[in-house]
């Protein structure tokens, strides 16, 4: 049985892992390279090569009831979509409530992790850490939880673009972006239309003389607010909607979703229509409508004072180019032998355990992408990994079945590019997939024992609280409720929600255009 567990990183994933280890009777030691908790959610005035940073104005794109830890709700006075400083304060409250800080060694980086000679028998690891003062220390751990995230190595394609060496303007990655003040009166090109690219474009456009948004594929723009002023994720991420999506042919579901997204504004008219890729942004279409943002095709090169786009157009007198081109996961402290997948990627069983290890004593947290909050899924990963470390066996018949389970894990992935497909997960289905190892709610038993609760779980938002109803780590003090904007959802409300959902289905079957 595992005793000592090394947790690498004290962001949201690291905190969940520390708590899960303590609950399973393990002895966690967390190594955090900075001087504070929060990971990427800790805003810093300046960036450095060791860690990335968020921009000053960043607001979360998932609502508080959907992204909180399963046994620790967000404060009632928090807005549905909070500023990054409020989320960091929530992490502080969580760490204080569960007394997690005493397990963290700050300003200590992990240099190397290597399996010991007797690893096939013991599953133990040699870990070398380095303090801020340069002092190295060697440790022996029974298990490892990697919580350093996958936003750690910027993808910066500048060197591959023709003419970049003669361009007189400034080019930098979004990791070095803080706020829009430096762009006042400038002509700016933003490259990339992910969530960060959309936010940064909107903010820059309020200060810049002209802002161009260069995109290779476009994006479906989804606002944070849904019908009746409710958070979008609370109305979209329900088990009922997931069930309907499973029943509906993919082509029909895509067509209906495309019609709904184009109802507010025509994405093709705005130069945003993609084949895939959702983008959460409330203001981008309005900035395009006002002329503050101009959509452009993919950036292909530079002139001395301008940029060249894929459609052959050129914009001159460009002062700055901001590359919102994302990140790639990088774990330099792990053995290179673990990167045995395509393009040197980690091959993970259920996106958690490396397949090549004889003993399941190393787990990677959060190495996936989701259409819902990542924090809640990582908490389930942490609870499962801690239980495996504590002596509970993986629920597979034999090691050779791991590869089958790995591939079947992606039967529900719908992404066009291999690199993205390897990371993308379907929110509720993957959470249930993971929670089946720990504490997935039994809907049939719930329906028979408590029909009102079943209605809340099935037709209401799929909140993280559902995964603390039963099983290991059950939240005994919880008076279970699903809340919208701080109001308790009673059975009458859920019945109304159920009837509205059925009505939508009937309308769709009779005439999809009415949606």
Protein backbone atom coordinates (compact mmCIF):
# COMPACT_ATOMS: atom_id res chain seq x y z
CA UNK A 1 0.00 0.00 0.00
CA UNK A 2 1.21 3.50 -0.91
CA UNK A 3 2.14 5.79 1.99
CA UNK A 4 3.95 8.94 0.74
CA UNK A 5 2.61 10.73 -2.33
CA UNK A 6 4.35 13.59 -4.15
CA UNK A 7 1.94 16.17 -5.55
CA UNK A 8 3.52 18.44 -8.16
CA UNK A 9 1.86 21.85 -8.26
CA UNK A 10 -0.49 23.68 -5.89
CA UNK A 11 -3.05 24.97 -8.35
CA UNK A 12 -6.68 23.84 -8.31
CA UNK A 13 -5.68 20.29 -9.31
CA UNK A 14 -2.95 20.07 -6.69
CA UNK A 15 -5.28 21.20 -3.91
CA UNK A 16 -7.88 18.60 -4.90
CA UNK A 17 -5.18 15.91 -4.96
CA UNK A 18 -3.86 16.83 -1.51
CA UNK A 19 -7.35 16.63 -0.04
CA UNK A 20 -8.10 13.30 -1.77
CA UNK A 21 -4.86 11.78 -0.49
CA UNK A 22 -5.58 12.88 3.08
CA UNK A 23 -9.08 11.40 2.90
CA UNK A 24 -7.60 8.06 1.82
CA UNK A 25 -5.11 8.04 4.72
CA UNK A 26 -2.09 8.85 2.56
CA UNK A 27 0.74 11.26 3.34
CA UNK A 28 0.92 13.92 0.58
CA UNK A 29 3.82 16.30 0.06
CA UNK A 30 3.13 19.05 -2.46
CA UNK A 31 5.95 20.85 -4.27
CA UNK A 32 5.04 24.31 -5.61
CA UNK A 33 7.62 26.30 -7.55
CA UNK A 34 6.07 29.70 -6.75
CA UNK A 35 5.36 31.36 -3.41
CA UNK A 36 1.57 30.92 -3.48
CA UNK A 37 -1.27 28.57 -4.37
CA UNK A 38 -3.56 29.00 -7.37
CA UNK A 39 -1.29 28.01 -10.24
CA UNK A 40 -2.20 29.80 -13.45
CA UNK A 41 -5.05 31.61 -11.68
CA UNK A 42 -2.60 33.68 -9.65
CA UNK A 43 -2.20 36.92 -11.64
CA UNK A 44 1.35 38.25 -11.77
CA UNK A 45 2.43 41.64 -13.02
CA UNK A 46 5.31 40.16 -15.01
CA UNK A 47 5.81 36.81 -16.70
CA UNK A 48 8.88 34.63 -16.59
CA UNK A 49 10.12 31.52 -18.33
CA UNK A 50 9.17 29.26 -15.44
CA UNK A 51 5.42 29.86 -15.39
CA UNK A 52 2.63 31.35 -17.44
CA UNK A 53 0.26 34.04 -16.36
CA UNK A 54 -3.29 35.14 -17.05
CA UNK A 55 -4.31 38.63 -18.18
CA UNK A 56 -5.53 41.14 -15.63
CA UNK A 57 -9.19 41.30 -16.69
CA UNK A 58 -9.78 37.56 -17.12
CA UNK A 59 -13.26 36.37 -16.13
CA UNK A 60 -14.01 32.65 -15.94
CA UNK A 61 -16.11 31.14 -18.73
CA UNK A 62 -17.86 28.54 -16.56
CA UNK A 63 -20.37 29.45 -13.86
CA UNK A 64 -19.68 29.10 -10.16
CA UNK A 65 -22.20 26.33 -9.44
CA UNK A 66 -20.69 24.21 -12.22
CA UNK A 67 -16.98 24.69 -11.51
CA UNK A 68 -16.76 24.49 -7.72
CA UNK A 69 -15.43 21.52 -5.79
CA UNK A 70 -18.11 18.93 -5.06
CA UNK A 71 -18.17 19.45 -1.28
CA UNK A 72 -17.30 23.15 -1.08
CA UNK A 73 -19.73 25.56 -2.80
CA UNK A 74 -18.63 28.99 -3.93
CA UNK A 75 -19.58 31.87 -1.60
CA UNK A 76 -23.17 33.01 -2.10
CA UNK A 77 -22.12 36.60 -2.85
CA UNK A 78 -19.90 35.55 -5.78
CA UNK A 79 -21.27 36.39 -9.25
CA UNK A 80 -22.10 33.55 -11.62
CA UNK A 81 -19.02 34.36 -13.71
CA UNK A 82 -16.30 35.67 -11.47
CA UNK A 83 -13.08 37.64 -11.91
CA UNK A 84 -9.86 35.64 -11.60
CA UNK A 85 -9.07 37.29 -8.24
CA UNK A 86 -12.30 35.90 -6.76
CA UNK A 87 -11.50 32.41 -7.98
CA UNK A 88 -8.08 32.64 -6.34
CA UNK A 89 -9.77 33.70 -3.11
CA UNK A 90 -12.04 30.65 -3.39
CA UNK A 91 -8.95 28.44 -3.56
CA UNK A 92 -7.64 30.13 -0.41
CA UNK A 93 -10.93 29.45 1.38
CA UNK A 94 -10.84 25.82 0.23
CA UNK A 95 -7.24 25.33 1.38
CA UNK A 96 -7.97 26.94 4.74
CA UNK A 97 -11.17 24.97 5.32
CA UNK A 98 -9.51 21.60 4.70
CA UNK A 99 -6.14 22.62 6.22
CA UNK A 100 -4.16 21.89 3.06
CA UNK A 101 -1.38 24.49 3.27
CA UNK A 102 0.61 22.47 5.79
CA UNK A 103 1.27 19.84 3.12
CA UNK A 104 2.79 22.34 0.61
CA UNK A 105 6.48 23.20 0.19
CA UNK A 106 6.58 26.54 -1.62
CA UNK A 107 9.38 27.80 -3.88
CA UNK A 108 10.44 24.22 -4.52
CA UNK A 109 10.61 22.84 -8.05
CA UNK A 110 10.75 19.22 -9.14
CA UNK A 111 13.84 18.56 -11.23
CA UNK A 112 13.56 14.86 -12.03
CA UNK A 113 11.29 11.90 -11.35
CA UNK A 114 12.70 8.45 -12.06
CA UNK A 115 11.46 4.95 -11.21
CA UNK A 116 13.62 3.13 -8.66
CA UNK A 117 15.46 -0.05 -9.61
CA UNK A 118 12.88 -2.18 -7.82
CA UNK A 119 9.95 -0.24 -9.38
CA UNK A 120 8.29 -3.34 -10.93
CA UNK A 121 7.85 -4.66 -7.38
CA UNK A 122 7.52 -1.55 -5.18
CA UNK A 123 6.26 1.08 -7.63
CA UNK A 124 8.45 3.65 -5.87
CA UNK A 125 10.03 6.78 -7.36
CA UNK A 126 13.19 8.82 -6.82
CA UNK A 127 12.36 12.52 -6.84
CA UNK A 128 14.90 15.34 -6.96
CA UNK A 129 13.69 18.82 -5.95
CA UNK A 130 15.39 22.22 -6.11
CA UNK A 131 14.67 25.15 -3.81
CA UNK A 132 14.68 28.76 -4.96
CA UNK A 133 18.18 29.06 -3.50
CA UNK A 134 19.44 26.21 -5.71
CA UNK A 135 19.63 23.55 -2.99
CA UNK A 136 18.87 20.05 -4.28
CA UNK A 137 17.19 17.39 -2.19
CA UNK A 138 16.47 13.73 -2.95
CA UNK A 139 13.27 11.97 -1.89
CA UNK A 140 11.65 8.57 -2.18
CA UNK A 141 7.92 8.48 -2.83
CA UNK A 142 5.46 5.63 -3.18
CA UNK A 143 3.36 7.49 -5.77
CA UNK A 144 3.27 10.68 -7.85
CA UNK A 145 0.41 13.01 -8.79
CA UNK A 146 1.39 15.43 -11.58
CA UNK A 147 -0.70 18.61 -11.31
CA UNK A 148 1.43 21.08 -13.25
CA UNK A 149 -1.18 21.51 -16.00
CA UNK A 150 -0.81 21.63 -19.76
CA UNK A 151 -0.62 25.41 -20.17
CA UNK A 152 3.12 25.48 -19.65
CA UNK A 153 4.87 25.68 -23.04
CA UNK A 154 3.62 28.40 -25.42
CA UNK A 155 3.14 27.54 -29.09
CA UNK A 156 4.79 30.49 -30.86
CA UNK A 157 4.94 29.95 -34.65
CA UNK A 158 6.67 33.26 -35.46
CA UNK A 159 9.87 31.66 -36.82
CA UNK A 160 7.84 29.72 -39.40
CA UNK A 161 6.32 32.85 -40.95
CA UNK A 162 8.02 34.41 -43.96
CA UNK A 163 9.46 37.88 -43.40
CA UNK A 164 9.27 37.84 -39.61
CA UNK A 165 12.90 38.91 -39.39
CA UNK A 166 12.31 42.19 -41.27
CA UNK A 167 9.07 43.17 -39.53
CA UNK A 168 9.57 46.42 -37.62
CA UNK A 169 6.68 45.91 -35.20
CA UNK A 170 6.54 43.89 -32.00
CA UNK A 171 5.44 40.24 -31.89
CA UNK A 172 4.72 38.30 -28.70
CA UNK A 173 2.70 35.41 -27.29
CA UNK A 174 -0.46 36.01 -25.25
CA UNK A 175 1.31 34.71 -22.14
CA UNK A 176 3.04 38.13 -22.05
CA UNK A 177 -0.21 40.06 -22.40
CA UNK A 178 -1.40 41.93 -19.30
CA UNK A 179 -3.98 44.53 -20.37
CA UNK A 180 -4.92 46.82 -23.25
CA UNK A 181 -3.17 49.99 -22.06
CA UNK A 182 -0.03 49.41 -24.14
CA UNK A 183 -2.11 49.21 -27.34
CA UNK A 184 -3.73 52.63 -27.17
CA UNK A 185 -3.75 54.27 -30.59
CA UNK A 186 -1.99 51.28 -32.23
CA UNK A 187 -2.88 49.08 -35.18
CA UNK A 188 -2.87 45.52 -33.86
CA UNK A 189 -3.25 42.00 -35.26
CA UNK A 190 -4.39 39.20 -32.94
CA UNK A 191 -3.69 35.68 -34.24
CA UNK A 192 -5.97 32.88 -32.98
CA UNK A 193 -9.62 32.78 -32.02
CA UNK A 194 -9.77 30.60 -28.94
CA UNK A 195 -11.24 31.86 -25.68
CA UNK A 196 -8.15 33.90 -24.85
CA UNK A 197 -7.89 35.23 -28.39
CA UNK A 198 -11.50 36.42 -28.27
CA UNK A 199 -11.10 38.10 -24.86
CA UNK A 200 -7.81 39.79 -25.77
CA UNK A 201 -9.15 40.98 -29.13
CA UNK A 202 -12.17 42.61 -27.49
CA UNK A 203 -10.06 44.28 -24.81
CA UNK A 204 -7.43 45.57 -27.24
CA UNK A 205 -10.13 46.90 -29.58
CA UNK A 206 -11.34 49.27 -26.85
CA UNK A 207 -7.95 51.02 -26.82
CA UNK A 208 -6.36 50.41 -30.23
CA UNK A 209 -6.89 52.51 -33.34
CA UNK A 210 -7.71 49.33 -35.30
CA UNK A 211 -7.74 45.66 -34.37
CA UNK A 212 -7.56 42.75 -36.82
CA UNK A 213 -8.42 39.20 -35.74
CA UNK A 214 -6.69 36.55 -37.86
CA UNK A 215 -8.22 33.08 -37.77
CA UNK A 216 -7.46 29.92 -39.67
CA UNK A 217 -10.84 28.31 -39.05
CA UNK A 218 -13.23 30.68 -37.28
CA UNK A 219 -15.30 29.73 -34.22
CA UNK A 220 -18.88 29.27 -33.09
CA UNK A 221 -19.39 32.11 -30.62
CA UNK A 222 -21.41 31.22 -27.53
CA UNK A 223 -22.31 33.78 -24.87
CA UNK A 224 -22.18 33.14 -21.14
CA UNK A 225 -25.89 33.91 -20.72
CA UNK A 226 -28.64 31.55 -21.82
CA UNK A 227 -32.43 31.86 -21.88
CA UNK A 228 -34.11 33.62 -18.94
CA UNK A 229 -30.77 35.11 -17.95
CA UNK A 230 -29.40 31.80 -16.66
CA UNK A 231 -25.76 30.72 -17.08
CA UNK A 232 -25.28 28.93 -20.39
CA UNK A 233 -23.48 25.91 -18.92
CA UNK A 234 -26.24 25.32 -16.34
CA UNK A 235 -28.88 25.02 -19.06
CA UNK A 236 -26.70 23.17 -21.58
CA UNK A 237 -24.84 20.68 -19.40
CA UNK A 238 -27.65 18.43 -18.19
CA UNK A 239 -28.05 14.67 -18.30
CA UNK A 240 -31.29 15.14 -20.22
CA UNK A 241 -29.50 17.12 -22.94
CA UNK A 242 -26.71 14.54 -23.00
CA UNK A 243 -29.31 11.80 -23.45
CA UNK A 244 -30.95 13.70 -26.31
CA UNK A 245 -27.56 14.18 -27.96
CA UNK A 246 -26.95 10.44 -27.71
CA UNK A 247 -30.33 9.69 -29.36
CA UNK A 248 -30.00 12.29 -32.11
CA UNK A 249 -27.97 11.52 -35.26
CA UNK A 250 -24.77 13.56 -35.27
CA UNK A 251 -25.56 15.35 -38.55
CA UNK A 252 -29.00 16.39 -37.30
CA UNK A 253 -27.63 17.56 -33.95
CA UNK A 254 -24.91 19.61 -35.66
CA UNK A 255 -27.46 21.15 -38.03
CA UNK A 256 -29.79 22.10 -35.18
CA UNK A 257 -26.94 23.56 -33.12
CA UNK A 258 -25.68 25.53 -36.12
CA UNK A 259 -29.16 26.94 -36.74
CA UNK A 260 -29.46 27.98 -33.10
CA UNK A 261 -26.04 29.66 -33.03
CA UNK A 262 -26.74 31.51 -36.28
CA UNK A 263 -30.13 32.73 -35.02
CA UNK A 264 -28.58 35.67 -33.15
CA UNK A 265 -26.00 36.52 -35.83
CA UNK A 266 -24.89 34.84 -39.03
CA UNK A 267 -21.40 33.51 -38.39
CA UNK A 268 -20.55 33.43 -42.09
CA UNK A 269 -21.57 37.07 -42.50
CA UNK A 270 -19.30 38.01 -39.59
CA UNK A 271 -16.37 35.98 -40.93
CA UNK A 272 -16.54 33.59 -37.97
CA UNK A 273 -18.09 30.43 -39.41
CA UNK A 274 -15.91 27.39 -38.62
CA UNK A 275 -16.17 23.66 -39.09
CA UNK A 276 -15.68 23.08 -35.37
CA UNK A 277 -14.38 24.90 -32.27
CA UNK A 278 -16.69 26.75 -29.86
CA UNK A 279 -15.65 30.12 -28.42
CA UNK A 280 -17.17 31.60 -25.26
CA UNK A 281 -17.38 35.38 -25.63
CA UNK A 282 -20.13 37.91 -24.96
CA UNK A 283 -18.73 40.92 -26.82
CA UNK A 284 -16.83 39.84 -29.95
CA UNK A 285 -19.75 39.96 -32.44
CA UNK A 286 -20.65 43.45 -31.20
CA UNK A 287 -17.09 44.70 -31.70
CA UNK A 288 -17.13 43.31 -35.25
CA UNK A 289 -20.54 44.93 -35.80
CA UNK A 290 -19.15 48.31 -34.67
CA UNK A 291 -16.08 47.98 -36.92
CA UNK A 292 -13.66 47.98 -34.00
CA UNK A 293 -12.57 44.44 -34.95
CA UNK A 294 -11.98 43.33 -38.53
CA UNK A 295 -11.90 39.61 -39.31
CA UNK A 296 -9.00 38.38 -41.46
CA UNK A 297 -7.90 35.02 -42.79
CA UNK A 298 -4.87 33.08 -41.56
CA UNK A 299 -1.63 35.05 -41.10
CA UNK A 300 1.01 33.77 -43.55
CA UNK A 301 3.84 36.31 -43.49
CA UNK A 302 5.18 39.80 -42.85
CA UNK A 303 6.36 42.83 -44.76
CA UNK A 304 8.66 45.43 -43.25
CA UNK A 305 5.73 47.30 -41.72
CA UNK A 306 2.76 45.03 -42.25
CA UNK A 307 1.33 41.53 -42.38
CA UNK A 308 0.19 39.22 -45.18
CA UNK A 309 -2.89 37.02 -44.96
CA UNK A 310 -3.82 33.76 -46.64
CA UNK A 311 -6.34 35.42 -48.96
CA UNK A 312 -3.58 37.65 -50.37
CA UNK A 313 -4.60 40.84 -48.57
CA UNK A 314 -1.98 42.97 -46.81
CA UNK A 315 -2.43 45.30 -43.86
CA UNK A 316 0.31 47.92 -43.53
CA UNK A 317 1.43 50.08 -40.59
CA UNK A 318 0.92 47.29 -38.05
CA UNK A 319 2.46 48.10 -34.68
CA UNK A 320 1.93 44.84 -32.77
CA UNK A 321 1.04 41.20 -33.40
CA UNK A 322 -0.26 39.10 -30.49
CA UNK A 323 -0.15 35.32 -30.97
CA UNK A 324 -3.00 33.63 -29.07
CA UNK A 325 -1.89 30.29 -30.43
CA UNK A 326 -2.18 28.19 -27.32
CA UNK A 327 0.12 25.88 -25.42
CA UNK A 328 1.40 22.36 -25.50
CA UNK A 329 1.89 20.10 -22.52
CA UNK A 330 5.45 19.68 -21.36
CA UNK A 331 6.67 17.57 -18.45
CA UNK A 332 10.49 17.83 -18.52
CA UNK A 333 10.82 16.15 -15.12
CA UNK A 334 9.15 12.89 -16.23
CA UNK A 335 11.07 9.96 -17.75
CA UNK A 336 11.17 10.26 -21.55
CA UNK A 337 10.11 6.62 -21.81
CA UNK A 338 6.58 7.62 -20.80
CA UNK A 339 6.13 9.67 -23.97
CA UNK A 340 5.50 6.66 -26.16
CA UNK A 341 2.40 7.88 -27.98
CA UNK A 342 2.05 9.56 -31.39
CA UNK A 343 4.26 12.65 -31.74
CA UNK A 344 5.84 11.86 -28.36
CA UNK A 345 2.58 12.28 -26.44
CA UNK A 346 1.81 10.56 -23.17
CA UNK A 347 -0.39 7.49 -23.63
CA UNK A 348 -2.72 7.42 -20.65
CA UNK A 349 -5.30 4.93 -19.43
CA UNK A 350 -8.53 6.89 -18.98
CA UNK A 351 -6.45 10.05 -19.43
CA UNK A 352 -4.82 9.43 -16.04
CA UNK A 353 -2.37 6.50 -15.74
CA UNK A 354 0.58 5.97 -18.14
CA UNK A 355 0.07 2.65 -19.92
CA UNK A 356 3.74 1.74 -20.04
CA UNK A 357 4.20 1.48 -16.25
CA UNK A 358 4.19 -1.88 -14.49
CA UNK A 359 2.69 -0.30 -11.36
CA UNK A 360 -0.08 2.37 -11.40
CA UNK A 361 1.74 4.71 -9.02
CA UNK A 362 1.93 7.78 -11.26
CA UNK A 363 -1.10 9.78 -12.39
CA UNK A 364 -1.37 12.83 -14.64
CA UNK A 365 -4.12 15.25 -13.63
CA UNK A 366 -6.02 17.51 -16.02
CA UNK A 367 -4.39 16.49 -19.29
CA UNK A 368 -7.59 16.83 -21.30
CA UNK A 369 -9.93 19.43 -22.73
CA UNK A 370 -13.63 19.59 -22.07
CA UNK A 371 -16.75 21.51 -23.06
CA UNK A 372 -17.45 21.93 -19.37
CA UNK A 373 -15.46 22.98 -16.27
CA UNK A 374 -12.17 21.11 -16.00
CA UNK A 375 -11.85 21.56 -12.21
CA UNK A 376 -14.76 19.27 -11.42
CA UNK A 377 -13.46 16.45 -13.61
CA UNK A 378 -9.96 16.75 -12.16
CA UNK A 379 -11.43 16.38 -8.68
CA UNK A 380 -12.95 13.04 -9.75
CA UNK A 381 -9.60 12.02 -11.27
CA UNK A 382 -7.88 12.89 -8.00
CA UNK A 383 -10.35 10.90 -5.90
CA UNK A 384 -9.94 7.88 -8.16
CA UNK A 385 -6.13 8.06 -8.27
CA UNK A 386 -5.92 8.39 -4.48
CA UNK A 387 -8.09 5.30 -4.07
CA UNK A 388 -5.88 3.34 -6.46
CA UNK A 389 -2.79 4.43 -4.51
CA UNK A 390 -4.49 3.39 -1.27
CA UNK A 391 -4.85 -0.17 -2.48
CA UNK A 392 -8.03 -0.28 -4.56
CA UNK A 393 -7.33 -2.12 -7.80
CA UNK A 394 -7.98 -0.70 -11.24
CA UNK A 395 -11.23 -2.16 -12.54
CA UNK A 396 -9.68 -3.94 -15.52
CA UNK A 397 -9.35 -7.68 -15.83
CA UNK A 398 -5.74 -7.59 -16.97
CA UNK A 399 -3.04 -5.17 -18.03
CA UNK A 400 -3.44 -6.14 -21.67
CA UNK A 401 -6.98 -4.76 -21.59
CA UNK A 402 -5.71 -1.31 -20.81
CA UNK A 403 -5.12 -0.50 -24.46
CA UNK A 404 -8.66 -1.53 -25.32
CA UNK A 405 -10.03 0.63 -22.53
CA UNK A 406 -7.84 3.50 -23.67
CA UNK A 407 -9.21 3.46 -27.20
CA UNK A 408 -12.80 2.92 -26.13
CA UNK A 409 -12.45 5.98 -23.93
CA UNK A 410 -12.48 8.04 -27.12
CA UNK A 411 -15.50 6.50 -28.84
CA UNK A 412 -17.44 9.64 -27.93
CA UNK A 413 -14.82 12.16 -29.04
CA UNK A 414 -15.91 14.32 -31.94
CA UNK A 415 -12.94 16.42 -33.00
CA UNK A 416 -11.42 16.65 -36.46
CA UNK A 417 -7.73 16.86 -35.65
CA UNK A 418 -5.73 14.08 -34.07
CA UNK A 419 -3.87 16.38 -31.67
CA UNK A 420 -7.10 17.93 -30.38
CA UNK A 421 -9.01 14.65 -30.38
CA UNK A 422 -6.39 13.13 -28.09
CA UNK A 423 -7.23 15.81 -25.50
CA UNK A 424 -10.94 16.44 -25.99
CA UNK A 425 -13.58 14.81 -23.80
CA UNK A 426 -17.35 14.99 -23.64
CA UNK A 427 -18.15 16.54 -20.29
CA UNK A 428 -20.88 14.46 -18.61
CA UNK A 429 -20.01 11.19 -20.33
CA UNK A 430 -16.34 11.41 -19.36
CA UNK A 431 -17.16 12.43 -15.78
CA UNK A 432 -19.46 9.42 -15.43
CA UNK A 433 -16.79 7.31 -17.09
CA UNK A 434 -14.32 8.44 -14.40
CA UNK A 435 -16.81 8.42 -11.53
CA UNK A 436 -17.72 4.83 -12.28
CA UNK A 437 -14.45 4.03 -10.53
CA UNK A 438 -15.41 6.10 -7.48
CA UNK A 439 -18.83 7.58 -6.87
CA UNK A 440 -21.11 7.86 -9.91
CA UNK A 441 -24.77 8.42 -8.90
CA UNK A 442 -26.99 5.40 -9.59
CA UNK A 443 -29.86 6.99 -11.50
CA UNK A 444 -32.11 3.92 -11.53
CA UNK A 445 -31.82 3.40 -7.77
CA UNK A 446 -32.29 7.13 -7.23
CA UNK A 447 -35.46 7.14 -9.35
CA UNK A 448 -36.99 4.36 -7.24
CA UNK A 449 -35.93 5.79 -3.86
CA UNK A 450 -36.22 9.55 -4.38
CA UNK A 451 -37.99 10.63 -7.61
CA UNK A 452 -37.72 14.34 -6.78
CA UNK A 453 -33.96 14.09 -6.35
CA UNK A 454 -33.78 12.06 -9.56
CA UNK A 455 -35.56 14.84 -11.44
CA UNK A 456 -33.06 17.37 -10.13
CA UNK A 457 -30.12 15.22 -11.14
CA UNK A 458 -31.45 14.19 -14.56
CA UNK A 459 -33.17 17.37 -15.77
CA UNK A 460 -31.24 19.96 -13.78
CA UNK A 461 -27.68 21.16 -14.33
CA UNK A 462 -25.02 18.49 -13.94
CA UNK A 463 -23.30 20.13 -10.99
CA UNK A 464 -20.29 18.62 -9.19
CA UNK A 465 -22.46 18.07 -6.10
CA UNK A 466 -23.93 15.01 -7.81
CA UNK A 467 -20.63 13.21 -7.36
CA UNK A 468 -20.62 13.66 -3.58
CA UNK A 469 -24.03 12.12 -2.98
CA UNK A 470 -22.79 8.56 -2.46
CA UNK A 471 -19.67 6.45 -2.25
CA UNK A 472 -16.18 7.29 -0.94
CA UNK A 473 -15.75 10.97 -0.13
CA UNK A 474 -19.51 11.47 0.28
CA UNK A 475 -20.38 14.90 1.61
CA UNK A 476 -22.29 13.86 4.73
CA UNK A 477 -23.24 17.41 5.73
CA UNK A 478 -24.80 18.25 2.39
CA UNK A 479 -28.47 19.20 2.15
CA UNK A 480 -28.51 18.49 -1.56
CA UNK A 481 -29.86 21.22 -3.77
CA UNK A 482 -29.17 22.46 -7.25
CA UNK A 483 -29.15 26.23 -7.31
CA UNK A 484 -29.56 28.84 -10.00
CA UNK A 485 -28.22 32.28 -9.12
CA UNK A 486 -28.30 31.33 -5.45
CA UNK A 487 -31.98 30.25 -5.49
CA UNK A 488 -32.88 26.72 -4.48
CA UNK A 489 -34.42 24.69 -7.29
CA UNK A 490 -37.50 23.00 -5.89
CA UNK A 491 -39.47 20.16 -7.42
CA UNK A 492 -42.03 22.55 -8.95
CA UNK A 493 -39.27 24.38 -10.81
CA UNK A 494 -37.76 21.11 -12.02
CA UNK A 495 -41.17 19.91 -13.18
CA UNK A 496 -41.53 23.13 -15.15
CA UNK A 497 -38.05 22.61 -16.59
CA UNK A 498 -38.98 19.04 -17.52
CA UNK A 499 -42.18 20.13 -19.29
CA UNK A 500 -40.32 22.86 -21.19
CA UNK A 501 -37.71 20.32 -22.29
CA UNK A 502 -40.39 17.94 -23.55
CA UNK A 503 -42.07 20.82 -25.33
CA UNK A 504 -38.82 21.70 -27.09
CA UNK A 505 -38.44 18.12 -28.26
CA UNK A 506 -42.00 18.09 -29.65
CA UNK A 507 -41.45 21.42 -31.43
CA UNK A 508 -38.18 20.16 -32.89
CA UNK A 509 -39.81 16.96 -34.17
CA UNK A 510 -42.67 18.86 -35.77
CA UNK A 511 -40.63 21.73 -37.24
CA UNK A 512 -36.92 22.15 -36.42
CA UNK A 513 -36.89 25.64 -37.93
CA UNK A 514 -39.02 26.93 -35.05
CA UNK A 515 -36.09 26.43 -32.68
